[in-house]
């Protein structure tokens, strides 16, 4: 039986998070179907769900396919007009779904929407993974309304306007199901990190809009799978960002953007090395080696995606460099950037 909205939590060994946050998800989501897709957990998550939450649908995935593969497999089995891709470490609030459904209904060209995301542990501040809507600069560096690199702003209502952005956070992402499947879901080569930006970019290259609706509010812990100090997170971020750019950016910006990224990534790598981050230095080097090795396959993806571009939508692209603004001009707040 189909529902208008399906809230889908992808779980991997997150039994403690499910126990903590799933009751609020159920209580705050009247009328929505609740689904937990389990990525081959070994911590008893599935048994606990069957015992403590018998009304929650469980989709068991045979192996850990990461964020990308896990959601792709699960969403093929869910019949709903809208999907909510919700991390297990997110606390929702009453009324978080209704504004999103209204916004989708008002504009069929909206492909995805994110709520305002504040930090669970510092509840007055925006959270790293999304804040109040995602942007990207001309070199492919993502940032948010309320978060630039590691600088998190306090939420004082300064970004409470509903607006079109470039990407919606994968921590809590509302997606129109028909658009998700038309864009062939997540690129499973990403495994985890930046896959939601890649999906949003592909949506925008087909003319769809990505929105933030701050009337919907959630709180995110963050770092539930890989914390910021983990070298593998560094590897995935640098590797996936290179593929993200190569697959999706316009021809006229491709060479220049990649050339500048090589330089800036090299600076970042040596910065890690000097600050006793040998594993992070190696992670960035590995990321680039992987990119060069996979370039023929990535080039083929770009070729196929170019054939599907229709009414490219560039709203949310910052035409300057957020790196220069942040590190050289010391601009720490989104409101200090030259963005309408």
C-alpha atoms as a PDB file:
ATOM      1  CA  UNK A   1       0.000   0.000   0.000  1.00  0.00           C
ATOM      2  CA  UNK A   2       1.467   3.336  -1.043  1.00  0.00           C
ATOM      3  CA  UNK A   3       1.651   6.445   1.119  1.00  0.00           C
ATOM      4  CA  UNK A   4       2.261  10.076   0.285  1.00  0.00           C
ATOM      5  CA  UNK A   5       5.481  10.198   2.309  1.00  0.00           C
ATOM      6  CA  UNK A   6       7.808   7.412   3.419  1.00  0.00           C
ATOM      7  CA  UNK A   7      10.421   8.171   6.064  1.00  0.00           C
ATOM      8  CA  UNK A   8      13.346   5.852   5.359  1.00  0.00           C
ATOM      9  CA  UNK A   9      16.163   5.447   7.883  1.00  0.00           C
ATOM     10  CA  UNK A  10      19.284   3.644   6.687  1.00  0.00           C
ATOM     11  CA  UNK A  11      20.845   1.772   9.603  1.00  0.00           C
ATOM     12  CA  UNK A  12      24.213   0.148  10.084  1.00  0.00           C
ATOM     13  CA  UNK A  13      24.980  -0.972  13.632  1.00  0.00           C
ATOM     14  CA  UNK A  14      23.049   1.976  15.043  1.00  0.00           C
ATOM     15  CA  UNK A  15      20.875   0.180  17.566  1.00  0.00           C
ATOM     16  CA  UNK A  16      21.489   2.845  20.242  1.00  0.00           C
ATOM     17  CA  UNK A  17      20.496   5.626  17.835  1.00  0.00           C
ATOM     18  CA  UNK A  18      17.340   3.796  16.787  1.00  0.00           C
ATOM     19  CA  UNK A  19      16.323   3.352  20.414  1.00  0.00           C
ATOM     20  CA  UNK A  20      16.998   7.039  21.079  1.00  0.00           C
ATOM     21  CA  UNK A  21      15.433   8.715  18.053  1.00  0.00           C
ATOM     22  CA  UNK A  22      12.994   6.333  16.338  1.00  0.00           C
ATOM     23  CA  UNK A  23      10.184   6.887  18.901  1.00  0.00           C
ATOM     24  CA  UNK A  24      10.182  10.632  18.097  1.00  0.00           C
ATOM     25  CA  UNK A  25      10.242   9.937  14.364  1.00  0.00           C
ATOM     26  CA  UNK A  26       7.133   7.799  14.755  1.00  0.00           C
ATOM     27  CA  UNK A  27       5.378  10.298  17.053  1.00  0.00           C
ATOM     28  CA  UNK A  28       6.150  13.318  14.846  1.00  0.00           C
ATOM     29  CA  UNK A  29       5.258  11.682  11.517  1.00  0.00           C
ATOM     30  CA  UNK A  30       1.509  10.976  11.532  1.00  0.00           C
ATOM     31  CA  UNK A  31       0.311   9.657   8.185  1.00  0.00           C
ATOM     32  CA  UNK A  32       3.792   8.802   6.934  1.00  0.00           C
ATOM     33  CA  UNK A  33       5.057   5.264   6.609  1.00  0.00           C
ATOM     34  CA  UNK A  34       8.213   4.518   8.591  1.00  0.00           C
ATOM     35  CA  UNK A  35      10.824   2.198   7.103  1.00  0.00           C
ATOM     36  CA  UNK A  36      14.222   1.098   8.414  1.00  0.00           C
ATOM     37  CA  UNK A  37      16.580  -0.222   5.755  1.00  0.00           C
ATOM     38  CA  UNK A  38      19.261  -2.243   7.509  1.00  0.00           C
ATOM     39  CA  UNK A  39      22.693  -2.450   5.903  1.00  0.00           C
ATOM     40  CA  UNK A  40      23.621  -5.902   7.276  1.00  0.00           C
ATOM     41  CA  UNK A  41      24.017  -4.768  10.892  1.00  0.00           C
ATOM     42  CA  UNK A  42      25.670  -7.119  13.355  1.00  0.00           C
ATOM     43  CA  UNK A  43      24.576  -5.393  16.574  1.00  0.00           C
ATOM     44  CA  UNK A  44      21.085  -6.849  16.939  1.00  0.00           C
ATOM     45  CA  UNK A  45      19.320  -3.890  15.323  1.00  0.00           C
ATOM     46  CA  UNK A  46      16.886  -5.989  13.324  1.00  0.00           C
ATOM     47  CA  UNK A  47      15.887  -8.181  16.271  1.00  0.00           C
ATOM     48  CA  UNK A  48      15.354  -5.078  18.414  1.00  0.00           C
ATOM     49  CA  UNK A  49      13.181  -3.458  15.744  1.00  0.00           C
ATOM     50  CA  UNK A  50      11.026  -6.547  15.393  1.00  0.00           C
ATOM     51  CA  UNK A  51      10.581  -6.705  19.159  1.00  0.00           C
ATOM     52  CA  UNK A  52      10.212  -3.025  20.111  1.00  0.00           C
ATOM     53  CA  UNK A  53       8.812  -1.445  16.934  1.00  0.00           C
ATOM     54  CA  UNK A  54       6.578  -4.056  15.304  1.00  0.00           C
ATOM     55  CA  UNK A  55       4.755  -1.472  13.157  1.00  0.00           C
ATOM     56  CA  UNK A  56       7.950  -0.267  11.489  1.00  0.00           C
ATOM     57  CA  UNK A  57       8.695  -1.881   8.154  1.00  0.00           C
ATOM     58  CA  UNK A  58      12.169  -3.432   7.903  1.00  0.00           C
ATOM     59  CA  UNK A  59      14.074  -3.927   4.665  1.00  0.00           C
ATOM     60  CA  UNK A  60      17.080  -6.180   5.213  1.00  0.00           C
ATOM     61  CA  UNK A  61      20.002  -5.613   2.858  1.00  0.00           C
ATOM     62  CA  UNK A  62      22.346  -8.577   2.532  1.00  0.00           C
ATOM     63  CA  UNK A  63      25.626  -6.640   2.808  1.00  0.00           C
ATOM     64  CA  UNK A  64      26.743  -3.167   3.822  1.00  0.00           C
ATOM     65  CA  UNK A  65      26.344  -1.190   0.612  1.00  0.00           C
ATOM     66  CA  UNK A  66      27.004   2.190   2.183  1.00  0.00           C
ATOM     67  CA  UNK A  67      24.693   5.166   1.990  1.00  0.00           C
ATOM     68  CA  UNK A  68      24.435   5.019  -1.788  1.00  0.00           C
ATOM     69  CA  UNK A  69      23.847   1.340  -2.425  1.00  0.00           C
ATOM     70  CA  UNK A  70      21.741   0.891   0.688  1.00  0.00           C
ATOM     71  CA  UNK A  71      19.282   3.606  -0.259  1.00  0.00           C
ATOM     72  CA  UNK A  72      19.207   2.605  -3.924  1.00  0.00           C
ATOM     73  CA  UNK A  73      18.200  -0.947  -3.024  1.00  0.00           C
ATOM     74  CA  UNK A  74      15.712   0.075  -0.348  1.00  0.00           C
ATOM     75  CA  UNK A  75      13.930   2.793  -2.330  1.00  0.00           C
ATOM     76  CA  UNK A  76      13.286   0.383  -5.199  1.00  0.00           C
ATOM     77  CA  UNK A  77      11.003  -1.460  -2.771  1.00  0.00           C
ATOM     78  CA  UNK A  78       9.070   1.540  -1.389  1.00  0.00           C
ATOM     79  CA  UNK A  79       5.960   2.966  -3.038  1.00  0.00           C
ATOM     80  CA  UNK A  80       5.520   6.610  -2.015  1.00  0.00           C
ATOM     81  CA  UNK A  81       5.222  10.007  -3.658  1.00  0.00           C
ATOM     82  CA  UNK A  82       7.960  11.475  -1.488  1.00  0.00           C
ATOM     83  CA  UNK A  83      10.901   9.828   0.246  1.00  0.00           C
ATOM     84  CA  UNK A  84      12.542  11.227   3.362  1.00  0.00           C
ATOM     85  CA  UNK A  85      16.122  10.004   3.616  1.00  0.00           C
ATOM     86  CA  UNK A  86      16.748  10.374   7.336  1.00  0.00           C
ATOM     87  CA  UNK A  87      19.951   9.574   9.206  1.00  0.00           C
ATOM     88  CA  UNK A  88      19.494   7.530  12.355  1.00  0.00           C
ATOM     89  CA  UNK A  89      21.306  10.236  14.372  1.00  0.00           C
ATOM     90  CA  UNK A  90      18.691  12.915  13.618  1.00  0.00           C
ATOM     91  CA  UNK A  91      16.096  14.168  16.103  1.00  0.00           C
ATOM     92  CA  UNK A  92      12.967  15.408  14.352  1.00  0.00           C
ATOM     93  CA  UNK A  93      10.431  17.924  15.705  1.00  0.00           C
ATOM     94  CA  UNK A  94       6.628  18.176  15.497  1.00  0.00           C
ATOM     95  CA  UNK A  95       5.372  19.449  12.152  1.00  0.00           C
ATOM     96  CA  UNK A  96       8.574  18.654  10.279  1.00  0.00           C
ATOM     97  CA  UNK A  97       6.892  16.887   7.342  1.00  0.00           C
ATOM     98  CA  UNK A  98       3.845  19.044   6.494  1.00  0.00           C
ATOM     99  CA  UNK A  99       5.706  22.126   5.131  1.00  0.00           C
ATOM    100  CA  UNK A 100       7.726  19.884   2.835  1.00  0.00           C
ATOM    101  CA  UNK A 101       4.691  18.141   1.367  1.00  0.00           C
ATOM    102  CA  UNK A 102       3.066  21.529   0.781  1.00  0.00           C
ATOM    103  CA  UNK A 103       6.127  22.851  -1.020  1.00  0.00           C
ATOM    104  CA  UNK A 104       6.375  19.769  -3.237  1.00  0.00           C
ATOM    105  CA  UNK A 105       2.680  20.051  -4.106  1.00  0.00           C
ATOM    106  CA  UNK A 106       3.047  23.717  -5.056  1.00  0.00           C
ATOM    107  CA  UNK A 107       5.870  23.194  -7.565  1.00  0.00           C
ATOM    108  CA  UNK A 108       6.334  19.976  -9.586  1.00  0.00           C
ATOM    109  CA  UNK A 109       9.837  21.131 -10.627  1.00  0.00           C
ATOM    110  CA  UNK A 110      11.136  20.739  -7.070  1.00  0.00           C
ATOM    111  CA  UNK A 111      13.255  17.588  -6.876  1.00  0.00           C
ATOM    112  CA  UNK A 112      14.503  17.742  -3.283  1.00  0.00           C
ATOM    113  CA  UNK A 113      14.083  19.788  -0.095  1.00  0.00           C
ATOM    114  CA  UNK A 114      15.974  19.926   3.174  1.00  0.00           C
ATOM    115  CA  UNK A 115      14.861  21.301   6.545  1.00  0.00           C
ATOM    116  CA  UNK A 116      16.866  23.635   8.734  1.00  0.00           C
ATOM    117  CA  UNK A 117      19.453  21.505  10.533  1.00  0.00           C
ATOM    118  CA  UNK A 118      20.823  22.498  13.913  1.00  0.00           C
ATOM    119  CA  UNK A 119      23.433  20.682  15.992  1.00  0.00           C
ATOM    120  CA  UNK A 120      22.087  18.190  18.509  1.00  0.00           C
ATOM    121  CA  UNK A 121      24.903  18.824  20.978  1.00  0.00           C
ATOM    122  CA  UNK A 122      25.018  22.616  20.519  1.00  0.00           C
ATOM    123  CA  UNK A 123      21.367  23.258  19.853  1.00  0.00           C
ATOM    124  CA  UNK A 124      21.658  27.012  19.293  1.00  0.00           C
ATOM    125  CA  UNK A 125      23.995  26.540  16.321  1.00  0.00           C
ATOM    126  CA  UNK A 126      23.673  25.245  12.795  1.00  0.00           C
ATOM    127  CA  UNK A 127      24.995  21.767  12.085  1.00  0.00           C
ATOM    128  CA  UNK A 128      27.825  21.016   9.683  1.00  0.00           C
ATOM    129  CA  UNK A 129      25.941  18.708   7.300  1.00  0.00           C
ATOM    130  CA  UNK A 130      23.476  21.084   5.685  1.00  0.00           C
ATOM    131  CA  UNK A 131      22.742  23.975   8.095  1.00  0.00           C
ATOM    132  CA  UNK A 132      20.101  26.042   6.246  1.00  0.00           C
ATOM    133  CA  UNK A 133      20.778  24.931   2.684  1.00  0.00           C
ATOM    134  CA  UNK A 134      23.770  23.891   0.595  1.00  0.00           C
ATOM    135  CA  UNK A 135      25.763  25.917  -1.934  1.00  0.00           C
ATOM    136  CA  UNK A 136      28.833  25.210  -4.055  1.00  0.00           C
ATOM    137  CA  UNK A 137      31.544  27.498  -5.373  1.00  0.00           C
ATOM    138  CA  UNK A 138      33.051  27.588  -8.866  1.00  0.00           C
ATOM    139  CA  UNK A 139      35.813  25.147  -7.826  1.00  0.00           C
ATOM    140  CA  UNK A 140      33.397  22.589  -6.419  1.00  0.00           C
ATOM    141  CA  UNK A 141      33.783  23.389  -2.693  1.00  0.00           C
ATOM    142  CA  UNK A 142      30.477  22.882  -0.866  1.00  0.00           C
ATOM    143  CA  UNK A 143      29.320  25.156   1.960  1.00  0.00           C
ATOM    144  CA  UNK A 144      26.044  26.149   3.596  1.00  0.00           C
ATOM    145  CA  UNK A 145      23.925  29.000   4.825  1.00  0.00           C
ATOM    146  CA  UNK A 146      25.174  28.955   8.394  1.00  0.00           C
ATOM    147  CA  UNK A 147      28.359  26.901   7.872  1.00  0.00           C
ATOM    148  CA  UNK A 148      31.511  27.638   5.905  1.00  0.00           C
ATOM    149  CA  UNK A 149      34.194  24.981   6.280  1.00  0.00           C
ATOM    150  CA  UNK A 150      34.503  24.444  10.066  1.00  0.00           C
ATOM    151  CA  UNK A 151      32.818  27.727  11.114  1.00  0.00           C
ATOM    152  CA  UNK A 152      29.297  27.146  12.443  1.00  0.00           C
ATOM    153  CA  UNK A 153      27.044  30.139  13.016  1.00  0.00           C
ATOM    154  CA  UNK A 154      24.493  30.446  15.816  1.00  0.00           C
ATOM    155  CA  UNK A 155      20.928  30.276  14.498  1.00  0.00           C
ATOM    156  CA  UNK A 156      19.408  33.684  15.178  1.00  0.00           C
ATOM    157  CA  UNK A 157      16.724  33.428  12.524  1.00  0.00           C
ATOM    158  CA  UNK A 158      18.977  35.020   9.907  1.00  0.00           C
ATOM    159  CA  UNK A 159      18.405  32.192   7.413  1.00  0.00           C
ATOM    160  CA  UNK A 160      14.760  31.409   8.070  1.00  0.00           C
ATOM    161  CA  UNK A 161      13.563  32.268   4.571  1.00  0.00           C
ATOM    162  CA  UNK A 162      12.498  29.485   2.247  1.00  0.00           C
ATOM    163  CA  UNK A 163      14.736  29.603  -0.818  1.00  0.00           C
ATOM    164  CA  UNK A 164      16.251  27.699  -3.705  1.00  0.00           C
ATOM    165  CA  UNK A 165      19.748  26.342  -3.013  1.00  0.00           C
ATOM    166  CA  UNK A 166      22.207  24.061  -4.799  1.00  0.00           C
ATOM    167  CA  UNK A 167      22.120  20.908  -2.677  1.00  0.00           C
ATOM    168  CA  UNK A 168      20.099  19.366   0.122  1.00  0.00           C
ATOM    169  CA  UNK A 169      21.709  17.534   3.025  1.00  0.00           C
ATOM    170  CA  UNK A 170      21.735  13.748   2.977  1.00  0.00           C
ATOM    171  CA  UNK A 171      21.243  13.817   6.756  1.00  0.00           C
ATOM    172  CA  UNK A 172      17.595  14.729   6.166  1.00  0.00           C
ATOM    173  CA  UNK A 173      16.644  14.906   2.526  1.00  0.00           C
ATOM    174  CA  UNK A 174      13.094  14.981   1.171  1.00  0.00           C
ATOM    175  CA  UNK A 175      13.068  13.699  -2.409  1.00  0.00           C
ATOM    176  CA  UNK A 176      10.338  13.419  -5.023  1.00  0.00           C
ATOM    177  CA  UNK A 177      10.385   9.708  -5.817  1.00  0.00           C
ATOM    178  CA  UNK A 178       9.791  10.053  -9.558  1.00  0.00           C
ATOM    179  CA  UNK A 179      12.753  12.437  -9.873  1.00  0.00           C
ATOM    180  CA  UNK A 180      14.993  10.203  -7.755  1.00  0.00           C
ATOM    181  CA  UNK A 181      14.365   7.236 -10.025  1.00  0.00           C
ATOM    182  CA  UNK A 182      14.465   9.282 -13.256  1.00  0.00           C
ATOM    183  CA  UNK A 183      17.957  10.423 -12.222  1.00  0.00           C
ATOM    184  CA  UNK A 184      18.875   6.784 -11.466  1.00  0.00           C
ATOM    185  CA  UNK A 185      19.335   7.379  -7.747  1.00  0.00           C
ATOM    186  CA  UNK A 186      22.695   7.695  -6.051  1.00  0.00           C
ATOM    187  CA  UNK A 187      25.989   6.945  -7.771  1.00  0.00           C
ATOM    188  CA  UNK A 188      27.117   3.852  -5.871  1.00  0.00           C
ATOM    189  CA  UNK A 189      30.777   4.536  -6.651  1.00  0.00           C
ATOM    190  CA  UNK A 190      30.598   7.298  -4.028  1.00  0.00           C
ATOM    191  CA  UNK A 191      29.675   4.785  -1.260  1.00  0.00           C
ATOM    192  CA  UNK A 192      29.295   7.658   1.238  1.00  0.00           C
ATOM    193  CA  UNK A 193      30.003  11.424   1.374  1.00  0.00           C
ATOM    194  CA  UNK A 194      28.960  13.987  -1.260  1.00  0.00           C
ATOM    195  CA  UNK A 195      26.602  11.550  -2.946  1.00  0.00           C
ATOM    196  CA  UNK A 196      23.675  13.844  -2.139  1.00  0.00           C
ATOM    197  CA  UNK A 197      25.443  16.803  -3.803  1.00  0.00           C
ATOM    198  CA  UNK A 198      26.044  14.650  -6.873  1.00  0.00           C
ATOM    199  CA  UNK A 199      22.356  13.686  -6.999  1.00  0.00           C
ATOM    200  CA  UNK A 200      21.225  17.295  -6.553  1.00  0.00           C
ATOM    201  CA  UNK A 201      23.638  18.484  -9.261  1.00  0.00           C
ATOM    202  CA  UNK A 202      22.258  15.897 -11.665  1.00  0.00           C
ATOM    203  CA  UNK A 203      18.728  17.020 -10.797  1.00  0.00           C
ATOM    204  CA  UNK A 204      19.655  20.649 -11.426  1.00  0.00           C
ATOM    205  CA  UNK A 205      21.249  19.762 -14.751  1.00  0.00           C
ATOM    206  CA  UNK A 206      17.808  18.494 -15.741  1.00  0.00           C
ATOM    207  CA  UNK A 207      16.134  21.736 -14.684  1.00  0.00           C
ATOM    208  CA  UNK A 208      14.822  20.698 -11.267  1.00  0.00           C
ATOM    209  CA  UNK A 209      14.967  22.927  -8.204  1.00  0.00           C
ATOM    210  CA  UNK A 210      16.477  22.138  -4.788  1.00  0.00           C
ATOM    211  CA  UNK A 211      14.961  23.965  -1.822  1.00  0.00           C
ATOM    212  CA  UNK A 212      15.447  24.611   1.881  1.00  0.00           C
ATOM    213  CA  UNK A 213      12.336  25.015   4.034  1.00  0.00           C
ATOM    214  CA  UNK A 214      13.373  26.283   7.498  1.00  0.00           C
ATOM    215  CA  UNK A 215       9.857  25.915   8.911  1.00  0.00           C
ATOM    216  CA  UNK A 216      10.880  22.275   9.219  1.00  0.00           C
ATOM    217  CA  UNK A 217      13.544  21.833  11.905  1.00  0.00           C
ATOM    218  CA  UNK A 218      15.674  18.842  12.872  1.00  0.00           C
ATOM    219  CA  UNK A 219      18.732  18.304  15.092  1.00  0.00           C
ATOM    220  CA  UNK A 220      21.678  16.231  13.863  1.00  0.00           C
ATOM    221  CA  UNK A 221      24.470  14.631  15.898  1.00  0.00           C
ATOM    222  CA  UNK A 222      26.814  14.109  12.927  1.00  0.00           C
ATOM    223  CA  UNK A 223      29.825  11.838  12.555  1.00  0.00           C
ATOM    224  CA  UNK A 224      27.735   8.801  13.408  1.00  0.00           C
ATOM    225  CA  UNK A 225      29.527   6.542  10.933  1.00  0.00           C
ATOM    226  CA  UNK A 226      32.882   8.266  10.398  1.00  0.00           C
ATOM    227  CA  UNK A 227      33.958  11.194  12.575  1.00  0.00           C
ATOM    228  CA  UNK A 228      35.901  14.127  11.169  1.00  0.00           C
ATOM    229  CA  UNK A 229      39.217  12.816  12.483  1.00  0.00           C
ATOM    230  CA  UNK A 230      38.936   9.549  10.566  1.00  0.00           C
ATOM    231  CA  UNK A 231      41.357   9.320   7.628  1.00  0.00           C
ATOM    232  CA  UNK A 232      38.823   7.312   5.623  1.00  0.00           C
ATOM    233  CA  UNK A 233      36.405  10.231   5.792  1.00  0.00           C
ATOM    234  CA  UNK A 234      39.170  12.460   4.384  1.00  0.00           C
ATOM    235  CA  UNK A 235      39.787   9.923   1.600  1.00  0.00           C
ATOM    236  CA  UNK A 236      36.116   9.709   0.622  1.00  0.00           C
ATOM    237  CA  UNK A 237      35.598  13.469   0.721  1.00  0.00           C
ATOM    238  CA  UNK A 238      38.573  14.261  -1.533  1.00  0.00           C
ATOM    239  CA  UNK A 239      37.993  11.303  -3.866  1.00  0.00           C
ATOM    240  CA  UNK A 240      34.284  11.929  -4.278  1.00  0.00           C
ATOM    241  CA  UNK A 241      34.684  15.669  -4.717  1.00  0.00           C
ATOM    242  CA  UNK A 242      36.959  15.137  -7.718  1.00  0.00           C
ATOM    243  CA  UNK A 243      34.453  12.788  -9.331  1.00  0.00           C
ATOM    244  CA  UNK A 244      31.601  15.128  -8.431  1.00  0.00           C
ATOM    245  CA  UNK A 245      33.237  17.975 -10.341  1.00  0.00           C
ATOM    246  CA  UNK A 246      34.326  15.919 -13.325  1.00  0.00           C
ATOM    247  CA  UNK A 247      30.917  14.332 -13.830  1.00  0.00           C
ATOM    248  CA  UNK A 248      28.764  17.425 -13.579  1.00  0.00           C
ATOM    249  CA  UNK A 249      30.518  20.727 -14.213  1.00  0.00           C
ATOM    250  CA  UNK A 250      30.088  22.652 -17.461  1.00  0.00           C
ATOM    251  CA  UNK A 251      32.725  22.111 -20.161  1.00  0.00           C
ATOM    252  CA  UNK A 252      34.002  25.673 -19.977  1.00  0.00           C
ATOM    253  CA  UNK A 253      34.888  25.321 -16.291  1.00  0.00           C
ATOM    254  CA  UNK A 254      36.162  21.726 -16.234  1.00  0.00           C
ATOM    255  CA  UNK A 255      39.896  22.088 -16.852  1.00  0.00           C
ATOM    256  CA  UNK A 256      40.299  25.262 -14.806  1.00  0.00           C
ATOM    257  CA  UNK A 257      38.395  23.855 -11.842  1.00  0.00           C
ATOM    258  CA  UNK A 258      40.291  20.558 -11.801  1.00  0.00           C
ATOM    259  CA  UNK A 259      43.661  22.305 -12.204  1.00  0.00           C
ATOM    260  CA  UNK A 260      42.957  24.597  -9.260  1.00  0.00           C
ATOM    261  CA  UNK A 261      41.688  21.655  -7.197  1.00  0.00           C
ATOM    262  CA  UNK A 262      44.951  19.781  -7.794  1.00  0.00           C
ATOM    263  CA  UNK A 263      46.865  22.752  -6.401  1.00  0.00           C
ATOM    264  CA  UNK A 264      44.578  23.316  -3.415  1.00  0.00           C
ATOM    265  CA  UNK A 265      44.378  19.609  -2.578  1.00  0.00           C
ATOM    266  CA  UNK A 266      48.179  19.478  -2.642  1.00  0.00           C
ATOM    267  CA  UNK A 267      48.348  22.380  -0.203  1.00  0.00           C
ATOM    268  CA  UNK A 268      45.809  20.643   2.051  1.00  0.00           C
ATOM    269  CA  UNK A 269      47.801  17.397   1.941  1.00  0.00           C
ATOM    270  CA  UNK A 270      51.046  19.050   3.014  1.00  0.00           C
ATOM    271  CA  UNK A 271      49.195  20.999   5.682  1.00  0.00           C
ATOM    272  CA  UNK A 272      48.037  17.659   7.116  1.00  0.00           C
ATOM    273  CA  UNK A 273      51.573  16.284   6.896  1.00  0.00           C
ATOM    274  CA  UNK A 274      53.060  19.225   8.799  1.00  0.00           C
ATOM    275  CA  UNK A 275      50.399  18.968  11.498  1.00  0.00           C
ATOM    276  CA  UNK A 276      51.206  15.270  12.173  1.00  0.00           C
ATOM    277  CA  UNK A 277      48.413  14.027   9.977  1.00  0.00           C
ATOM    278  CA  UNK A 278      50.359  11.462   7.947  1.00  0.00           C
ATOM    279  CA  UNK A 279      47.310   9.237   7.489  1.00  0.00           C
ATOM    280  CA  UNK A 280      45.313  12.188   6.156  1.00  0.00           C
ATOM    281  CA  UNK A 281      48.170  13.122   3.800  1.00  0.00           C
ATOM    282  CA  UNK A 282      48.137   9.552   2.508  1.00  0.00           C
ATOM    283  CA  UNK A 283      44.325   9.649   2.259  1.00  0.00           C
ATOM    284  CA  UNK A 284      44.441  12.674  -0.070  1.00  0.00           C
ATOM    285  CA  UNK A 285      47.167  11.053  -2.168  1.00  0.00           C
ATOM    286  CA  UNK A 286      45.136   7.847  -2.401  1.00  0.00           C
ATOM    287  CA  UNK A 287      42.055   9.838  -3.379  1.00  0.00           C
ATOM    288  CA  UNK A 288      43.891  11.388  -6.322  1.00  0.00           C
ATOM    289  CA  UNK A 289      45.448   8.098  -7.399  1.00  0.00           C
ATOM    290  CA  UNK A 290      41.994   6.504  -7.369  1.00  0.00           C
ATOM    291  CA  UNK A 291      40.598   9.391  -9.433  1.00  0.00           C
ATOM    292  CA  UNK A 292      43.325   9.026 -12.106  1.00  0.00           C
ATOM    293  CA  UNK A 293      42.871   5.270 -12.230  1.00  0.00           C
ATOM    294  CA  UNK A 294      39.090   5.541 -12.604  1.00  0.00           C
ATOM    295  CA  UNK A 295      39.160   8.470 -15.030  1.00  0.00           C
ATOM    296  CA  UNK A 296      38.083   6.433 -18.108  1.00  0.00           C
ATOM    297  CA  UNK A 297      34.958   5.228 -16.289  1.00  0.00           C
ATOM    298  CA  UNK A 298      34.236   8.692 -14.860  1.00  0.00           C
ATOM    299  CA  UNK A 299      34.683  10.227 -18.315  1.00  0.00           C
ATOM    300  CA  UNK A 300      32.104   7.775 -19.651  1.00  0.00           C
ATOM    301  CA  UNK A 301      29.675   8.787 -16.906  1.00  0.00           C
ATOM    302  CA  UNK A 302      30.145  12.440 -17.850  1.00  0.00           C
ATOM    303  CA  UNK A 303      29.474  11.643 -21.508  1.00  0.00           C
ATOM    304  CA  UNK A 304      26.226   9.848 -20.672  1.00  0.00           C
ATOM    305  CA  UNK A 305      25.079  12.568 -18.259  1.00  0.00           C
ATOM    306  CA  UNK A 306      25.695  15.320 -20.825  1.00  0.00           C
ATOM    307  CA  UNK A 307      23.154  13.647 -23.088  1.00  0.00           C
ATOM    308  CA  UNK A 308      20.508  14.102 -20.383  1.00  0.00           C
ATOM    309  CA  UNK A 309      21.124  17.784 -19.578  1.00  0.00           C
ATOM    310  CA  UNK A 310      17.985  19.845 -20.033  1.00  0.00           C
ATOM    311  CA  UNK A 311      17.486  23.451 -18.849  1.00  0.00           C
ATOM    312  CA  UNK A 312      20.572  23.466 -16.620  1.00  0.00           C
ATOM    313  CA  UNK A 313      19.774  25.255 -13.335  1.00  0.00           C
ATOM    314  CA  UNK A 314      22.751  27.036 -11.746  1.00  0.00           C
ATOM    315  CA  UNK A 315      20.992  28.660  -8.777  1.00  0.00           C
ATOM    316  CA  UNK A 316      23.166  28.116  -5.700  1.00  0.00           C
ATOM    317  CA  UNK A 317      26.515  28.226  -7.515  1.00  0.00           C
ATOM    318  CA  UNK A 318      28.805  30.839  -5.944  1.00  0.00           C
ATOM    319  CA  UNK A 319      30.730  32.437  -8.793  1.00  0.00           C
ATOM    320  CA  UNK A 320      33.658  33.437  -6.560  1.00  0.00           C
ATOM    321  CA  UNK A 321      35.977  31.240  -4.470  1.00  0.00           C
ATOM    322  CA  UNK A 322      34.782  30.366  -0.991  1.00  0.00           C
ATOM    323  CA  UNK A 323      38.335  29.208  -0.208  1.00  0.00           C
ATOM    324  CA  UNK A 324      39.760  32.655  -0.920  1.00  0.00           C
ATOM    325  CA  UNK A 325      36.922  34.350   0.960  1.00  0.00           C
ATOM    326  CA  UNK A 326      37.364  32.160   4.011  1.00  0.00           C
ATOM    327  CA  UNK A 327      41.119  31.766   4.327  1.00  0.00           C
ATOM    328  CA  UNK A 328      42.366  35.039   2.787  1.00  0.00           C
ATOM    329  CA  UNK A 329      39.521  37.504   3.336  1.00  0.00           C
ATOM    330  CA  UNK A 330      38.536  35.951   6.709  1.00  0.00           C
ATOM    331  CA  UNK A 331      34.828  35.764   5.853  1.00  0.00           C
ATOM    332  CA  UNK A 332      33.393  33.295   8.348  1.00  0.00           C
ATOM    333  CA  UNK A 333      29.655  33.871   7.838  1.00  0.00           C
ATOM    334  CA  UNK A 334      27.472  33.134   4.845  1.00  0.00           C
ATOM    335  CA  UNK A 335      25.968  36.631   5.086  1.00  0.00           C
ATOM    336  CA  UNK A 336      29.431  38.104   4.396  1.00  0.00           C
ATOM    337  CA  UNK A 337      29.609  36.455   0.981  1.00  0.00           C
ATOM    338  CA  UNK A 338      28.367  38.229  -2.131  1.00  0.00           C
ATOM    339  CA  UNK A 339      25.288  36.052  -2.577  1.00  0.00           C
ATOM    340  CA  UNK A 340      21.771  37.385  -3.104  1.00  0.00           C
END
